[in-house]
Amino acid sequence: MTAISSLVPARFLTLTAHLVIVITIFWSRDSNVLACLPLQYTQEQYQARDTELIVALSVTLGLFVVELAGFLSGVSMFNSSQSLLSLAAHCSASVCLSFFVFQQWECWTYWYMFGFCSALPAATEIVIFIAVFGLKKKAL
């Protein structure tokens, strides 16, 4: 298997790993919400942080839909630049989000992981969509 053809399954696996960890955070977000709060907090503060984390995770899932649509439709499946960027971003996101869950990092750290590991690959995926469908460029 050549290096370029091995990017496709590696990209799929890291996308799936990142997706599974985001879904796991949805289920166990209580400990991360509590890590964002001071020792003495009100119910309103808890609700605000919980809503913030729910919004961040929901937007992340929306960006997964964009990326998986491009990948599974074949638009960017064999684009080596997009595959390498996506592979690096989602692999690092999987590692960082594992620490986010197990070490109960504060909520604001999720936004950095979101920007670099979810929004960046989804933005380049959208650019590829525009290039292929709007400008009629070749997918590779």
C-alpha atoms as a PDB file:
ATOM      1  CA  MET A   1       0.000   0.000   0.000  1.00  0.00           C
ATOM      2  CA  THR A   2       1.489   3.343  -1.010  1.00  0.00           C
ATOM      3  CA  ALA A   3       1.696   6.286   1.322  1.00  0.00           C
ATOM      4  CA  ILE A   4      -1.065   8.205  -0.439  1.00  0.00           C
ATOM      5  CA  SER A   5      -3.496   5.295  -0.491  1.00  0.00           C
ATOM      6  CA  SER A   6      -2.884   4.657   3.202  1.00  0.00           C
ATOM      7  CA  LEU A   7      -4.040   8.211   3.997  1.00  0.00           C
ATOM      8  CA  VAL A   8      -7.652   7.303   3.174  1.00  0.00           C
ATOM      9  CA  PRO A   9      -8.168   4.665   5.889  1.00  0.00           C
ATOM     10  CA  ALA A  10      -6.050   6.632   8.368  1.00  0.00           C
ATOM     11  CA  ARG A  11      -8.170   9.729   7.763  1.00  0.00           C
ATOM     12  CA  PHE A  12     -11.366   7.736   8.232  1.00  0.00           C
ATOM     13  CA  LEU A  13     -10.105   6.202  11.478  1.00  0.00           C
ATOM     14  CA  THR A  14      -9.016   9.526  12.987  1.00  0.00           C
ATOM     15  CA  LEU A  15     -12.302  11.173  11.958  1.00  0.00           C
ATOM     16  CA  THR A  16     -14.173   8.331  13.616  1.00  0.00           C
ATOM     17  CA  ALA A  17     -12.031   8.488  16.755  1.00  0.00           C
ATOM     18  CA  HIS A  18     -12.594  12.225  17.070  1.00  0.00           C
ATOM     19  CA  LEU A  19     -16.339  11.760  16.531  1.00  0.00           C
ATOM     20  CA  VAL A  20     -16.545   9.057  19.211  1.00  0.00           C
ATOM     21  CA  ILE A  21     -14.711  11.222  21.740  1.00  0.00           C
ATOM     22  CA  VAL A  22     -16.986  14.211  21.047  1.00  0.00           C
ATOM     23  CA  ILE A  23     -20.052  12.013  21.585  1.00  0.00           C
ATOM     24  CA  THR A  24     -18.485  10.691  24.795  1.00  0.00           C
ATOM     25  CA  ILE A  25     -17.982  14.253  26.027  1.00  0.00           C
ATOM     26  CA  PHE A  26     -21.682  14.904  25.383  1.00  0.00           C
ATOM     27  CA  TRP A  27     -22.519  12.022  27.703  1.00  0.00           C
ATOM     28  CA  SER A  28     -20.020  12.913  30.422  1.00  0.00           C
ATOM     29  CA  ARG A  29     -19.845  16.701  30.207  1.00  0.00           C
ATOM     30  CA  ASP A  30     -20.884  17.208  33.852  1.00  0.00           C
ATOM     31  CA  SER A  31     -17.346  16.758  35.202  1.00  0.00           C
ATOM     32  CA  ASN A  32     -15.945  19.197  32.629  1.00  0.00           C
ATOM     33  CA  VAL A  33     -18.655  21.744  33.409  1.00  0.00           C
ATOM     34  CA  LEU A  34     -17.816  21.470  37.108  1.00  0.00           C
ATOM     35  CA  ALA A  35     -14.125  22.006  36.281  1.00  0.00           C
ATOM     36  CA  CYS A  36     -15.092  25.338  34.681  1.00  0.00           C
ATOM     37  CA  LEU A  37     -16.807  26.618  37.796  1.00  0.00           C
ATOM     38  CA  PRO A  38     -15.475  28.017  41.077  1.00  0.00           C
ATOM     39  CA  LEU A  39     -15.940  25.986  44.258  1.00  0.00           C
ATOM     40  CA  GLN A  40     -19.029  28.005  45.175  1.00  0.00           C
ATOM     41  CA  TYR A  41     -21.277  28.449  42.141  1.00  0.00           C
ATOM     42  CA  THR A  42     -24.903  29.157  41.431  1.00  0.00           C
ATOM     43  CA  GLN A  43     -27.287  27.180  39.273  1.00  0.00           C
ATOM     44  CA  GLU A  44     -27.218  29.983  36.684  1.00  0.00           C
ATOM     45  CA  GLN A  45     -23.428  29.732  36.398  1.00  0.00           C
ATOM     46  CA  TYR A  46     -23.703  25.972  35.945  1.00  0.00           C
ATOM     47  CA  GLN A  47     -26.387  26.364  33.279  1.00  0.00           C
ATOM     48  CA  ALA A  48     -24.312  28.978  31.408  1.00  0.00           C
ATOM     49  CA  ARG A  49     -21.213  26.766  31.290  1.00  0.00           C
ATOM     50  CA  ASP A  50     -23.250  23.705  30.378  1.00  0.00           C
ATOM     51  CA  THR A  51     -24.917  25.609  27.540  1.00  0.00           C
ATOM     52  CA  GLU A  52     -21.521  26.849  26.341  1.00  0.00           C
ATOM     53  CA  LEU A  53     -20.170  23.317  26.185  1.00  0.00           C
ATOM     54  CA  ILE A  54     -23.317  22.000  24.485  1.00  0.00           C
ATOM     55  CA  VAL A  55     -23.076  24.719  21.825  1.00  0.00           C
ATOM     56  CA  ALA A  56     -19.381  24.001  21.220  1.00  0.00           C
ATOM     57  CA  LEU A  57     -19.987  20.269  20.904  1.00  0.00           C
ATOM     58  CA  SER A  58     -23.009  20.801  18.652  1.00  0.00           C
ATOM     59  CA  VAL A  59     -21.072  23.046  16.278  1.00  0.00           C
ATOM     60  CA  THR A  60     -18.306  20.443  16.242  1.00  0.00           C
ATOM     61  CA  LEU A  61     -20.826  17.782  15.211  1.00  0.00           C
ATOM     62  CA  GLY A  62     -22.075  20.079  12.454  1.00  0.00           C
ATOM     63  CA  LEU A  63     -18.542  20.454  11.139  1.00  0.00           C
ATOM     64  CA  PHE A  64     -18.203  16.663  11.225  1.00  0.00           C
ATOM     65  CA  VAL A  65     -21.182  16.456   8.888  1.00  0.00           C
ATOM     66  CA  VAL A  66     -19.436  18.810   6.453  1.00  0.00           C
ATOM     67  CA  GLU A  67     -16.185  16.879   6.575  1.00  0.00           C
ATOM     68  CA  LEU A  68     -17.759  13.454   6.351  1.00  0.00           C
ATOM     69  CA  ALA A  69     -19.927  14.613   3.435  1.00  0.00           C
ATOM     70  CA  GLY A  70     -16.845  15.685   1.498  1.00  0.00           C
ATOM     71  CA  PHE A  71     -14.898  12.609   2.443  1.00  0.00           C
ATOM     72  CA  LEU A  72     -17.570   9.973   1.856  1.00  0.00           C
ATOM     73  CA  SER A  73     -18.817  11.585  -1.355  1.00  0.00           C
ATOM     74  CA  GLY A  74     -15.320  11.299  -2.790  1.00  0.00           C
ATOM     75  CA  VAL A  75     -14.838  15.032  -3.300  1.00  0.00           C
ATOM     76  CA  SER A  76     -11.792  15.156  -1.030  1.00  0.00           C
ATOM     77  CA  MET A  77     -11.157  11.469  -0.398  1.00  0.00           C
ATOM     78  CA  PHE A  78      -8.038  11.278  -2.553  1.00  0.00           C
ATOM     79  CA  ASN A  79      -6.850  14.842  -2.047  1.00  0.00           C
ATOM     80  CA  SER A  80      -3.568  14.207  -0.260  1.00  0.00           C
ATOM     81  CA  SER A  81      -3.232  17.730   1.154  1.00  0.00           C
ATOM     82  CA  GLN A  82      -6.701  17.655   2.704  1.00  0.00           C
ATOM     83  CA  SER A  83      -6.178  14.104   3.924  1.00  0.00           C
ATOM     84  CA  LEU A  84      -2.914  15.002   5.615  1.00  0.00           C
ATOM     85  CA  LEU A  85      -4.369  18.130   7.236  1.00  0.00           C
ATOM     86  CA  SER A  86      -7.458  16.247   8.379  1.00  0.00           C
ATOM     87  CA  LEU A  87      -5.370  13.348   9.655  1.00  0.00           C
ATOM     88  CA  ALA A  88      -3.103  15.608  11.711  1.00  0.00           C
ATOM     89  CA  ALA A  89      -5.966  17.732  13.050  1.00  0.00           C
ATOM     90  CA  HIS A  90      -8.236  14.871  14.067  1.00  0.00           C
ATOM     91  CA  CYS A  91      -5.418  12.789  15.498  1.00  0.00           C
ATOM     92  CA  SER A  92      -4.301  15.684  17.688  1.00  0.00           C
ATOM     93  CA  ALA A  93      -7.936  16.385  18.586  1.00  0.00           C
ATOM     94  CA  SER A  94      -8.415  12.795  19.694  1.00  0.00           C
ATOM     95  CA  VAL A  95      -5.406  12.983  21.980  1.00  0.00           C
ATOM     96  CA  CYS A  96      -6.280  16.444  23.358  1.00  0.00           C
ATOM     97  CA  LEU A  97      -9.932  15.584  23.925  1.00  0.00           C
ATOM     98  CA  SER A  98      -8.925  12.420  25.753  1.00  0.00           C
ATOM     99  CA  PHE A  99      -6.967  14.599  28.155  1.00  0.00           C
ATOM    100  CA  PHE A 100      -9.936  17.001  28.250  1.00  0.00           C
ATOM    101  CA  VAL A 101     -12.158  14.190  29.505  1.00  0.00           C
ATOM    102  CA  PHE A 102      -9.776  12.354  31.833  1.00  0.00           C
ATOM    103  CA  GLN A 103      -8.087  15.359  33.423  1.00  0.00           C
ATOM    104  CA  GLN A 104     -11.243  17.511  33.441  1.00  0.00           C
ATOM    105  CA  TRP A 105      -9.793  20.531  31.682  1.00  0.00           C
ATOM    106  CA  GLU A 106     -11.672  23.812  31.805  1.00  0.00           C
ATOM    107  CA  CYS A 107     -14.233  24.642  29.119  1.00  0.00           C
ATOM    108  CA  TRP A 108     -12.259  27.461  27.494  1.00  0.00           C
ATOM    109  CA  THR A 109      -9.577  24.979  26.366  1.00  0.00           C
ATOM    110  CA  TYR A 110     -12.163  23.261  24.182  1.00  0.00           C
ATOM    111  CA  TRP A 111     -12.465  26.370  22.000  1.00  0.00           C
ATOM    112  CA  TYR A 112      -8.764  26.190  21.068  1.00  0.00           C
ATOM    113  CA  MET A 113      -9.095  22.524  20.164  1.00  0.00           C
ATOM    114  CA  PHE A 114     -12.252  23.364  18.230  1.00  0.00           C
ATOM    115  CA  GLY A 115     -10.534  26.068  16.194  1.00  0.00           C
ATOM    116  CA  PHE A 116      -7.447  24.133  15.220  1.00  0.00           C
ATOM    117  CA  CYS A 117      -8.814  20.606  15.064  1.00  0.00           C
ATOM    118  CA  SER A 118     -12.405  20.984  13.808  1.00  0.00           C
ATOM    119  CA  ALA A 119     -12.937  24.368  12.197  1.00  0.00           C
ATOM    120  CA  LEU A 120      -9.704  24.435  10.178  1.00  0.00           C
ATOM    121  CA  PRO A 121     -10.188  21.081   8.392  1.00  0.00           C
ATOM    122  CA  ALA A 122     -13.887  21.826   7.845  1.00  0.00           C
ATOM    123  CA  ALA A 123     -13.030  25.219   6.327  1.00  0.00           C
ATOM    124  CA  THR A 124     -10.577  23.640   3.897  1.00  0.00           C
ATOM    125  CA  GLU A 125     -13.212  21.015   3.092  1.00  0.00           C
ATOM    126  CA  ILE A 126     -15.649  23.804   2.210  1.00  0.00           C
ATOM    127  CA  VAL A 127     -12.989  25.389  -0.029  1.00  0.00           C
ATOM    128  CA  ILE A 128     -12.600  22.049  -1.815  1.00  0.00           C
ATOM    129  CA  PHE A 129     -16.402  21.813  -2.201  1.00  0.00           C
ATOM    130  CA  ILE A 130     -16.447  25.280  -3.762  1.00  0.00           C
ATOM    131  CA  ALA A 131     -13.534  24.444  -6.046  1.00  0.00           C
ATOM    132  CA  VAL A 132     -15.089  21.184  -7.244  1.00  0.00           C
ATOM    133  CA  PHE A 133     -18.748  22.135  -7.534  1.00  0.00           C
ATOM    134  CA  GLY A 134     -18.593  25.894  -8.031  1.00  0.00           C
ATOM    135  CA  LEU A 135     -15.457  26.319 -10.114  1.00  0.00           C
ATOM    136  CA  LYS A 136     -15.605  22.859 -11.721  1.00  0.00           C
ATOM    137  CA  LYS A 137     -12.006  22.082 -10.781  1.00  0.00           C
ATOM    138  CA  LYS A 138     -10.662  18.556 -10.599  1.00  0.00           C
ATOM    139  CA  ALA A 139     -11.083  16.974  -7.143  1.00  0.00           C
ATOM    140  CA  LEU A 140      -7.453  15.937  -6.898  1.00  0.00           C
END
